[in-house]
């Protein structure tokens, strides 16, 4: 809050202005909401509060206020604490701190409960579905799981992490959700001011700086990928094999079938589908990143039933043969109306939808329902402990 007026404790008198920035509010915290915060209400307005938990009473400083029906705040003092509150393992997980983690102040069990509430609420609100899905724990624990970390460099050449909803670079000494010992040597060095770069730990435990250009080795289900630096791969080491197993189980592509792998990256799911359809079947991977396709072609060179299409899914899809099975792993924004309608128009027996955003998944599930496809199975995984993010897999069938 440097450069701002001192925080003011008050009842939120809105006479003359609706800008509550830097006010300190005494709040009763309500339910968790999608986005890593909880909801409170004050003087007729909604306040989205980070570093709070449902049922708590806190003092919170308003950090952003656009003058509308809501504002954003950080809890700075807890007067009545949730029984699941703990001391964060990182000193930067606090008001005005790092934007990477949202729930370090909650036990891992409570974090999964909060995420379960969010995914169920999004499905109910956006798709009209009451689900009993529970966010599942992945092996490895809540710390040390983040095998890819993107660092930013400030004007003095110090690498660090971004502050919450800010371009400010925080000069952290380490990050507890990254593998132990990986970041301190990188953070201790000076770098080119203003640059950004990614540090990756691969399947062999080798630490890669994407600026060095060495290939990153990843292995799943007995197959090896050698990926160019910066290429996408699931950040939690247990997530790629978990997703491959669930997608394979639910896709259940018969021998000789035709399958689509949309937003297929380097072909993780294509490898699973190819084994199912066999040499007499066909798997088409659609991916817009030419580098990912090149890496995938090299990794799956022994699978002639896999074909690759470089381009945007909506442009490539019309020319593809009708599928028996579709696997789609779209970006955070989801598939959207046009693609859902285009997929359903081709009549697949099953659609396996992998989603990293429960709101986008809820919208897409509702769109599939409008086309006659119902949600028949759903799993959710806590693939990003300490953050509000999760990974979901949905099965849709006509």
Protein backbone atom coordinates (compact mmCIF):
# COMPACT_ATOMS: atom_id res chain seq x y z
CA UNK A 1 0.00 0.00 0.00
CA UNK A 2 2.98 2.32 -0.45
CA UNK A 3 2.05 5.72 -1.81
CA UNK A 4 -1.54 5.44 -0.58
CA UNK A 5 -3.28 7.16 2.27
CA UNK A 6 -3.35 5.31 5.58
CA UNK A 7 -6.11 2.67 5.74
CA UNK A 8 -9.34 3.90 7.24
CA UNK A 9 -11.57 1.83 9.47
CA UNK A 10 -15.18 2.76 8.79
CA UNK A 11 -18.68 1.67 8.06
CA UNK A 12 -18.29 2.31 4.36
CA UNK A 13 -20.17 5.59 4.00
CA UNK A 14 -20.71 5.86 0.25
CA UNK A 15 -21.78 9.50 0.23
CA UNK A 16 -19.98 11.29 -2.55
CA UNK A 17 -17.92 8.32 -3.74
CA UNK A 18 -18.00 4.55 -4.11
CA UNK A 19 -14.22 4.21 -4.04
CA UNK A 20 -13.38 2.27 -0.90
CA UNK A 21 -9.73 1.70 -1.83
CA UNK A 22 -7.56 1.44 1.32
CA UNK A 23 -10.55 1.30 3.66
CA UNK A 24 -10.35 -1.37 6.35
CA UNK A 25 -13.67 -3.17 6.70
CA UNK A 26 -14.92 -5.38 9.53
CA UNK A 27 -16.43 -8.33 7.66
CA UNK A 28 -18.30 -11.56 8.29
CA UNK A 29 -17.03 -13.94 5.63
CA UNK A 30 -19.47 -16.00 3.59
CA UNK A 31 -19.02 -18.78 1.07
CA UNK A 32 -15.96 -19.46 -1.05
CA UNK A 33 -16.21 -18.26 -4.65
CA UNK A 34 -14.46 -19.21 -7.84
CA UNK A 35 -11.19 -17.32 -8.13
CA UNK A 36 -9.44 -17.90 -4.81
CA UNK A 37 -11.47 -15.63 -2.55
CA UNK A 38 -14.53 -15.69 -0.30
CA UNK A 39 -17.60 -13.47 -0.47
CA UNK A 40 -18.59 -10.89 2.11
CA UNK A 41 -21.15 -8.09 2.02
CA UNK A 42 -20.81 -4.59 3.36
CA UNK A 43 -23.10 -1.59 3.05
CA UNK A 44 -24.99 -3.21 0.17
CA UNK A 45 -21.92 -4.17 -1.81
CA UNK A 46 -20.13 -7.48 -2.45
CA UNK A 47 -16.55 -7.75 -1.25
CA UNK A 48 -14.31 -10.51 -2.64
CA UNK A 49 -11.84 -11.25 0.16
CA UNK A 50 -8.55 -13.13 -0.26
CA UNK A 51 -6.77 -14.84 2.65
CA UNK A 52 -10.09 -15.39 4.43
CA UNK A 53 -12.16 -18.54 5.03
CA UNK A 54 -15.93 -19.14 5.23
CA UNK A 55 -17.45 -18.27 8.60
CA UNK A 56 -14.57 -16.11 9.75
CA UNK A 57 -14.73 -12.55 11.01
CA UNK A 58 -11.84 -10.47 9.67
CA UNK A 59 -10.53 -7.02 9.14
CA UNK A 60 -9.83 -6.60 5.42
CA UNK A 61 -8.24 -3.77 3.48
CA UNK A 62 -9.85 -2.89 0.14
CA UNK A 63 -7.25 -3.28 -2.60
CA UNK A 64 -9.32 -2.58 -5.72
CA UNK A 65 -12.56 -0.68 -6.21
CA UNK A 66 -13.89 0.17 -9.64
CA UNK A 67 -16.93 1.87 -8.20
CA UNK A 68 -19.44 -0.79 -9.17
CA UNK A 69 -21.37 -3.34 -7.16
CA UNK A 70 -18.26 -5.08 -5.82
CA UNK A 71 -14.70 -4.49 -4.69
CA UNK A 72 -11.70 -6.63 -3.77
CA UNK A 73 -9.99 -6.88 -0.41
CA UNK A 74 -7.27 -8.73 1.52
CA UNK A 75 -7.79 -10.02 5.05
CA UNK A 76 -5.18 -8.42 7.32
CA UNK A 77 -6.43 -9.53 10.73
CA UNK A 78 -8.53 -12.53 11.76
CA UNK A 79 -10.85 -11.97 14.71
CA UNK A 80 -12.72 -15.29 14.52
CA UNK A 81 -10.83 -18.07 12.76
CA UNK A 82 -12.01 -21.16 10.90
CA UNK A 83 -10.88 -24.40 12.55
CA UNK A 84 -9.10 -25.28 9.31
CA UNK A 85 -6.93 -22.16 9.33
CA UNK A 86 -3.14 -22.73 9.52
CA UNK A 87 -0.03 -20.60 9.29
CA UNK A 88 1.00 -20.27 5.61
CA UNK A 89 4.31 -22.02 4.81
CA UNK A 90 5.40 -18.99 2.75
CA UNK A 91 5.81 -15.45 4.09
CA UNK A 92 4.69 -14.04 0.73
CA UNK A 93 1.26 -15.72 1.03
CA UNK A 94 -0.33 -12.67 2.63
CA UNK A 95 -2.07 -9.40 1.91
CA UNK A 96 -0.10 -7.50 -0.71
CA UNK A 97 2.00 -10.58 -1.41
CA UNK A 98 2.45 -13.15 -4.16
CA UNK A 99 -0.37 -13.92 -6.57
CA UNK A 100 0.56 -17.56 -7.06
CA UNK A 101 -1.14 -19.13 -4.04
CA UNK A 102 -4.64 -18.52 -2.71
CA UNK A 103 -5.20 -21.04 0.08
CA UNK A 104 -1.94 -21.52 1.99
CA UNK A 105 -3.83 -20.42 5.12
CA UNK A 106 -6.07 -23.53 4.93
CA UNK A 107 -5.27 -27.18 5.61
CA UNK A 108 -4.95 -29.32 2.46
CA UNK A 109 -8.18 -31.08 3.41
CA UNK A 110 -10.04 -27.79 3.70
CA UNK A 111 -8.56 -26.59 0.41
CA UNK A 112 -10.08 -29.60 -1.35
CA UNK A 113 -13.40 -29.00 0.40
CA UNK A 114 -13.41 -25.40 -0.82
CA UNK A 115 -12.62 -26.48 -4.37
CA UNK A 116 -15.35 -29.11 -4.22
CA UNK A 117 -17.84 -26.41 -3.25
CA UNK A 118 -16.69 -24.30 -6.20
CA UNK A 119 -16.92 -26.99 -8.88
CA UNK A 120 -20.35 -28.13 -7.66
CA UNK A 121 -21.60 -24.54 -7.56
CA UNK A 122 -20.37 -23.79 -11.07
CA UNK A 123 -22.06 -26.89 -12.47
CA UNK A 124 -25.30 -26.06 -10.69
CA UNK A 125 -25.32 -22.41 -11.71
CA UNK A 126 -24.10 -22.76 -15.30
CA UNK A 127 -25.35 -26.21 -16.32
CA UNK A 128 -28.24 -26.82 -13.94
CA UNK A 129 -26.60 -30.03 -12.67
CA UNK A 130 -26.45 -31.15 -9.04
CA UNK A 131 -23.23 -33.14 -8.83
CA UNK A 132 -21.71 -35.12 -5.98
CA UNK A 133 -18.19 -34.75 -7.43
CA UNK A 134 -15.39 -34.43 -4.87
CA UNK A 135 -12.01 -32.89 -5.62
CA UNK A 136 -9.47 -35.69 -5.22
CA UNK A 137 -5.97 -35.51 -3.79
CA UNK A 138 -3.04 -36.38 -6.03
CA UNK A 139 0.11 -38.11 -4.72
CA UNK A 140 3.01 -36.01 -3.52
CA UNK A 141 1.56 -33.66 -0.92
CA UNK A 142 0.76 -29.94 -1.01
CA UNK A 143 4.33 -28.63 -1.44
CA UNK A 144 7.12 -29.17 -3.96
CA UNK A 145 4.82 -30.21 -6.80
CA UNK A 146 5.18 -27.33 -9.25
CA UNK A 147 7.60 -28.60 -11.89
CA UNK A 148 7.28 -25.49 -14.10
CA UNK A 149 7.71 -21.99 -12.70
CA UNK A 150 7.65 -18.81 -14.76
CA UNK A 151 9.84 -16.07 -13.32
CA UNK A 152 9.85 -12.35 -14.07
CA UNK A 153 12.81 -9.99 -13.73
CA UNK A 154 12.60 -6.50 -12.26
CA UNK A 155 14.46 -3.40 -13.39
CA UNK A 156 17.47 -4.27 -11.25
CA UNK A 157 17.87 -7.76 -12.71
CA UNK A 158 16.34 -9.65 -9.78
CA UNK A 159 14.15 -12.62 -10.70
CA UNK A 160 10.98 -13.26 -8.73
CA UNK A 161 7.24 -13.84 -8.84
CA UNK A 162 4.44 -11.41 -9.62
CA UNK A 163 2.37 -9.81 -6.90
CA UNK A 164 -1.36 -10.56 -6.94
CA UNK A 165 -3.12 -8.82 -9.86
CA UNK A 166 0.01 -6.74 -10.48
CA UNK A 167 3.09 -6.53 -12.70
CA UNK A 168 5.25 -5.88 -9.64
CA UNK A 169 8.05 -8.43 -9.28
CA UNK A 170 8.53 -9.72 -5.74
CA UNK A 171 12.17 -10.61 -4.92
CA UNK A 172 11.35 -13.97 -3.33
CA UNK A 173 14.16 -16.22 -2.13
CA UNK A 174 12.29 -19.45 -2.85
CA UNK A 175 8.82 -20.88 -3.50
CA UNK A 176 7.59 -23.77 -1.34
CA UNK A 177 5.33 -25.24 -4.04
CA UNK A 178 8.36 -25.64 -6.34
CA UNK A 179 10.68 -28.63 -5.87
CA UNK A 180 13.10 -28.08 -3.02
CA UNK A 181 16.42 -26.53 -3.99
CA UNK A 182 15.47 -25.70 -7.58
CA UNK A 183 14.77 -21.97 -7.46
CA UNK A 184 17.26 -20.47 -4.95
CA UNK A 185 20.30 -20.68 -7.27
CA UNK A 186 18.30 -19.07 -10.08
CA UNK A 187 16.86 -16.36 -7.86
CA UNK A 188 20.29 -15.53 -6.44
CA UNK A 189 21.70 -14.60 -9.87
CA UNK A 190 21.18 -11.38 -11.79
CA UNK A 191 19.26 -11.53 -15.09
CA UNK A 192 18.39 -9.22 -17.94
CA UNK A 193 15.98 -6.57 -16.61
CA UNK A 194 12.42 -6.98 -17.84
CA UNK A 195 12.73 -10.51 -19.18
CA UNK A 196 10.62 -13.54 -18.27
CA UNK A 197 11.73 -17.15 -18.39
CA UNK A 198 10.60 -20.60 -17.29
CA UNK A 199 12.35 -23.08 -15.04
CA UNK A 200 11.31 -26.73 -15.50
CA UNK A 201 12.15 -29.93 -13.66
CA UNK A 202 11.76 -32.91 -15.99
CA UNK A 203 11.09 -36.61 -15.43
CA UNK A 204 14.77 -37.27 -14.74
CA UNK A 205 14.94 -34.50 -12.13
CA UNK A 206 17.02 -32.33 -14.43
CA UNK A 207 16.49 -28.59 -13.97
CA UNK A 208 16.02 -26.68 -17.23
CA UNK A 209 16.20 -22.96 -17.90
CA UNK A 210 14.24 -22.44 -21.12
CA UNK A 211 16.87 -19.94 -22.27
CA UNK A 212 19.43 -22.76 -22.46
CA UNK A 213 17.47 -24.65 -25.13
CA UNK A 214 17.97 -28.22 -23.89
CA UNK A 215 15.05 -30.65 -24.47
CA UNK A 216 12.82 -31.47 -21.50
CA UNK A 217 12.22 -35.20 -20.98
CA UNK A 218 8.75 -36.36 -19.89
CA UNK A 219 7.49 -39.93 -19.53
CA UNK A 220 3.96 -41.29 -19.23
CA UNK A 221 2.63 -44.82 -19.61
CA UNK A 222 5.92 -46.23 -20.84
CA UNK A 223 6.42 -43.57 -23.52
CA UNK A 224 8.94 -40.74 -23.65
CA UNK A 225 8.60 -37.19 -24.96
CA UNK A 226 11.52 -34.84 -25.56
CA UNK A 227 9.96 -31.40 -25.51
CA UNK A 228 11.43 -28.10 -26.59
CA UNK A 229 11.91 -25.56 -23.77
CA UNK A 230 8.72 -23.74 -22.83
CA UNK A 231 6.47 -26.42 -24.33
CA UNK A 232 3.26 -27.13 -22.43
CA UNK A 233 3.14 -30.12 -20.12
CA UNK A 234 1.07 -30.65 -17.00
CA UNK A 235 2.80 -28.93 -14.10
CA UNK A 236 1.97 -31.49 -11.39
CA UNK A 237 4.04 -34.65 -11.94
CA UNK A 238 1.12 -36.94 -11.09
CA UNK A 239 -1.42 -35.20 -13.30
CA UNK A 240 -0.36 -36.36 -16.78
CA UNK A 241 -0.48 -40.08 -15.89
CA UNK A 242 -3.73 -39.57 -13.96
CA UNK A 243 -5.40 -37.81 -16.88
CA UNK A 244 -4.08 -40.37 -19.36
CA UNK A 245 -5.63 -43.17 -17.30
CA UNK A 246 -9.03 -41.47 -16.89
CA UNK A 247 -9.21 -40.34 -20.52
CA UNK A 248 -8.33 -43.83 -21.67
CA UNK A 249 -10.96 -45.42 -19.47
CA UNK A 250 -13.73 -43.07 -20.55
CA UNK A 251 -12.80 -42.75 -24.22
CA UNK A 252 -12.83 -46.54 -24.64
CA UNK A 253 -12.27 -46.17 -28.37
CA UNK A 254 -12.92 -49.52 -30.08
CA UNK A 255 -10.44 -51.12 -32.45
CA UNK A 256 -10.65 -49.58 -35.89
CA UNK A 257 -12.42 -46.46 -34.62
CA UNK A 258 -11.81 -42.83 -35.54
CA UNK A 259 -10.84 -40.46 -32.72
CA UNK A 260 -10.15 -36.76 -32.45
CA UNK A 261 -7.66 -35.31 -29.98
CA UNK A 262 -8.50 -31.59 -29.99
CA UNK A 263 -5.99 -29.14 -28.54
CA UNK A 264 -3.81 -32.21 -28.41
CA UNK A 265 -0.44 -30.61 -27.62
CA UNK A 266 2.38 -33.12 -27.98
CA UNK A 267 -0.01 -36.06 -28.10
CA UNK A 268 -0.37 -37.38 -24.56
CA UNK A 269 -3.97 -38.45 -25.12
CA UNK A 270 -3.32 -39.37 -28.75
CA UNK A 271 -0.87 -42.02 -27.54
CA UNK A 272 -3.60 -43.56 -25.38
CA UNK A 273 -6.22 -43.38 -28.15
CA UNK A 274 -3.81 -44.86 -30.70
CA UNK A 275 -3.30 -47.97 -28.58
CA UNK A 276 -7.08 -48.37 -28.34
CA UNK A 277 -7.96 -47.96 -32.04
CA UNK A 278 -4.97 -49.97 -33.28
CA UNK A 279 -3.35 -49.86 -36.69
CA UNK A 280 -6.71 -50.08 -38.45
CA UNK A 281 -8.04 -47.03 -36.64
CA UNK A 282 -7.25 -43.34 -36.94
CA UNK A 283 -6.42 -40.64 -34.41
CA UNK A 284 -6.23 -37.04 -35.53
CA UNK A 285 -4.45 -34.55 -33.30
CA UNK A 286 -5.37 -30.90 -33.82
CA UNK A 287 -2.96 -28.41 -32.28
CA UNK A 288 -2.13 -24.81 -33.18
CA UNK A 289 1.44 -24.84 -31.78
CA UNK A 290 3.72 -26.16 -34.51
CA UNK A 291 6.50 -26.88 -32.01
CA UNK A 292 4.26 -29.10 -29.91
CA UNK A 293 3.20 -30.99 -33.04
CA UNK A 294 6.84 -31.52 -34.04
CA UNK A 295 7.65 -32.88 -30.58
CA UNK A 296 4.60 -35.11 -30.69
CA UNK A 297 5.39 -36.46 -34.12
CA UNK A 298 8.83 -37.47 -32.90
CA UNK A 299 7.49 -39.10 -29.74
CA UNK A 300 4.71 -41.01 -31.55
CA UNK A 301 6.63 -41.84 -34.72
CA UNK A 302 5.94 -45.57 -34.21
CA UNK A 303 2.16 -45.00 -34.35
CA UNK A 304 1.19 -44.53 -38.02
CA UNK A 305 -2.50 -44.35 -37.07
CA UNK A 306 -1.86 -40.91 -35.55
CA UNK A 307 -2.20 -37.96 -37.92
CA UNK A 308 -1.37 -34.37 -37.05
CA UNK A 309 -3.08 -31.16 -38.08
CA UNK A 310 -1.46 -27.83 -37.28
CA UNK A 311 -4.04 -25.09 -36.92
CA UNK A 312 -6.93 -23.71 -34.95
CA UNK A 313 -9.50 -26.34 -34.06
CA UNK A 314 -12.45 -24.44 -35.49
CA UNK A 315 -10.71 -24.18 -38.88
CA UNK A 316 -9.43 -27.75 -39.07
CA UNK A 317 -12.47 -29.59 -37.74
CA UNK A 318 -14.79 -29.28 -40.79
CA UNK A 319 -12.38 -31.28 -42.97
CA UNK A 320 -11.99 -34.19 -40.54
CA UNK A 321 -13.73 -37.56 -40.86
CA UNK A 322 -16.63 -38.09 -38.44
CA UNK A 323 -15.33 -39.37 -35.08
CA UNK A 324 -16.46 -42.19 -32.87
CA UNK A 325 -14.75 -40.56 -29.87
CA UNK A 326 -13.62 -37.00 -29.17
CA UNK A 327 -11.12 -35.93 -26.53
CA UNK A 328 -10.88 -32.17 -26.02
CA UNK A 329 -8.48 -30.32 -23.72
CA UNK A 330 -9.22 -26.67 -24.56
CA UNK A 331 -7.61 -23.58 -23.02
CA UNK A 332 -8.99 -22.02 -19.86
CA UNK A 333 -11.83 -20.32 -21.75
CA UNK A 334 -13.31 -23.71 -22.71
CA UNK A 335 -14.80 -24.90 -26.00
CA UNK A 336 -17.61 -22.38 -26.40
CA UNK A 337 -20.90 -22.58 -28.26
CA UNK A 338 -19.64 -22.83 -31.84
CA UNK A 339 -17.24 -25.70 -31.18
CA UNK A 340 -19.66 -27.63 -28.96
CA UNK A 341 -22.29 -27.44 -31.69
CA UNK A 342 -19.75 -28.44 -34.36
CA UNK A 343 -18.60 -31.46 -32.34
CA UNK A 344 -22.11 -32.64 -31.55
CA UNK A 345 -23.17 -32.25 -35.19
CA UNK A 346 -20.65 -34.97 -36.08
CA UNK A 347 -22.32 -37.47 -33.75
CA UNK A 348 -19.51 -38.93 -31.59
CA UNK A 349 -20.46 -41.73 -29.21
CA UNK A 350 -18.47 -40.14 -26.40
CA UNK A 351 -16.82 -36.81 -25.68
CA UNK A 352 -14.16 -36.64 -22.97
CA UNK A 353 -13.71 -33.02 -21.91
CA UNK A 354 -10.60 -32.05 -19.90
CA UNK A 355 -10.99 -28.67 -18.21
CA UNK A 356 -8.79 -26.52 -15.98
CA UNK A 357 -11.55 -24.01 -15.20
CA UNK A 358 -14.80 -25.17 -13.56
CA UNK A 359 -16.76 -22.16 -14.82
CA UNK A 360 -15.79 -22.85 -18.43
CA UNK A 361 -16.60 -26.53 -17.89
CA UNK A 362 -20.02 -25.64 -16.47
CA UNK A 363 -20.80 -23.47 -19.48
CA UNK A 364 -19.65 -26.16 -21.90
CA UNK A 365 -21.63 -28.91 -20.14
CA UNK A 366 -24.73 -26.73 -20.44
CA UNK A 367 -24.04 -26.23 -24.14
CA UNK A 368 -23.61 -29.98 -24.66
CA UNK A 369 -26.91 -30.57 -22.87
CA UNK A 370 -28.64 -28.24 -25.32
CA UNK A 371 -27.31 -30.47 -28.13
CA UNK A 372 -28.56 -33.68 -26.53
CA UNK A 373 -25.36 -34.78 -24.75
CA UNK A 374 -25.57 -35.46 -21.03
CA UNK A 375 -22.88 -35.55 -18.36
CA UNK A 376 -22.45 -39.21 -17.40
CA UNK A 377 -19.23 -39.07 -15.36
CA UNK A 378 -17.08 -36.41 -13.74
CA UNK A 379 -13.85 -36.38 -11.73
CA UNK A 380 -11.92 -33.45 -10.30
CA UNK A 381 -8.32 -33.39 -9.10
CA UNK A 382 -6.41 -31.08 -6.78
CA UNK A 383 -3.59 -30.73 -9.29
CA UNK A 384 -2.60 -27.28 -8.01
CA UNK A 385 -2.46 -27.40 -4.17
CA UNK A 386 -2.35 -24.07 -2.34
CA UNK A 387 -4.00 -22.36 -5.31
CA UNK A 388 -7.68 -22.14 -6.27
CA UNK A 389 -7.09 -24.08 -9.48
CA UNK A 390 -8.15 -27.67 -10.16
CA UNK A 391 -8.41 -30.05 -13.12
CA UNK A 392 -11.65 -31.75 -14.15
CA UNK A 393 -12.48 -34.53 -16.59
CA UNK A 394 -16.04 -34.92 -17.85
CA UNK A 395 -17.64 -37.65 -19.93
CA UNK A 396 -20.52 -36.61 -22.19
CA UNK A 397 -22.68 -39.06 -24.09
CA UNK A 398 -25.79 -38.67 -26.28
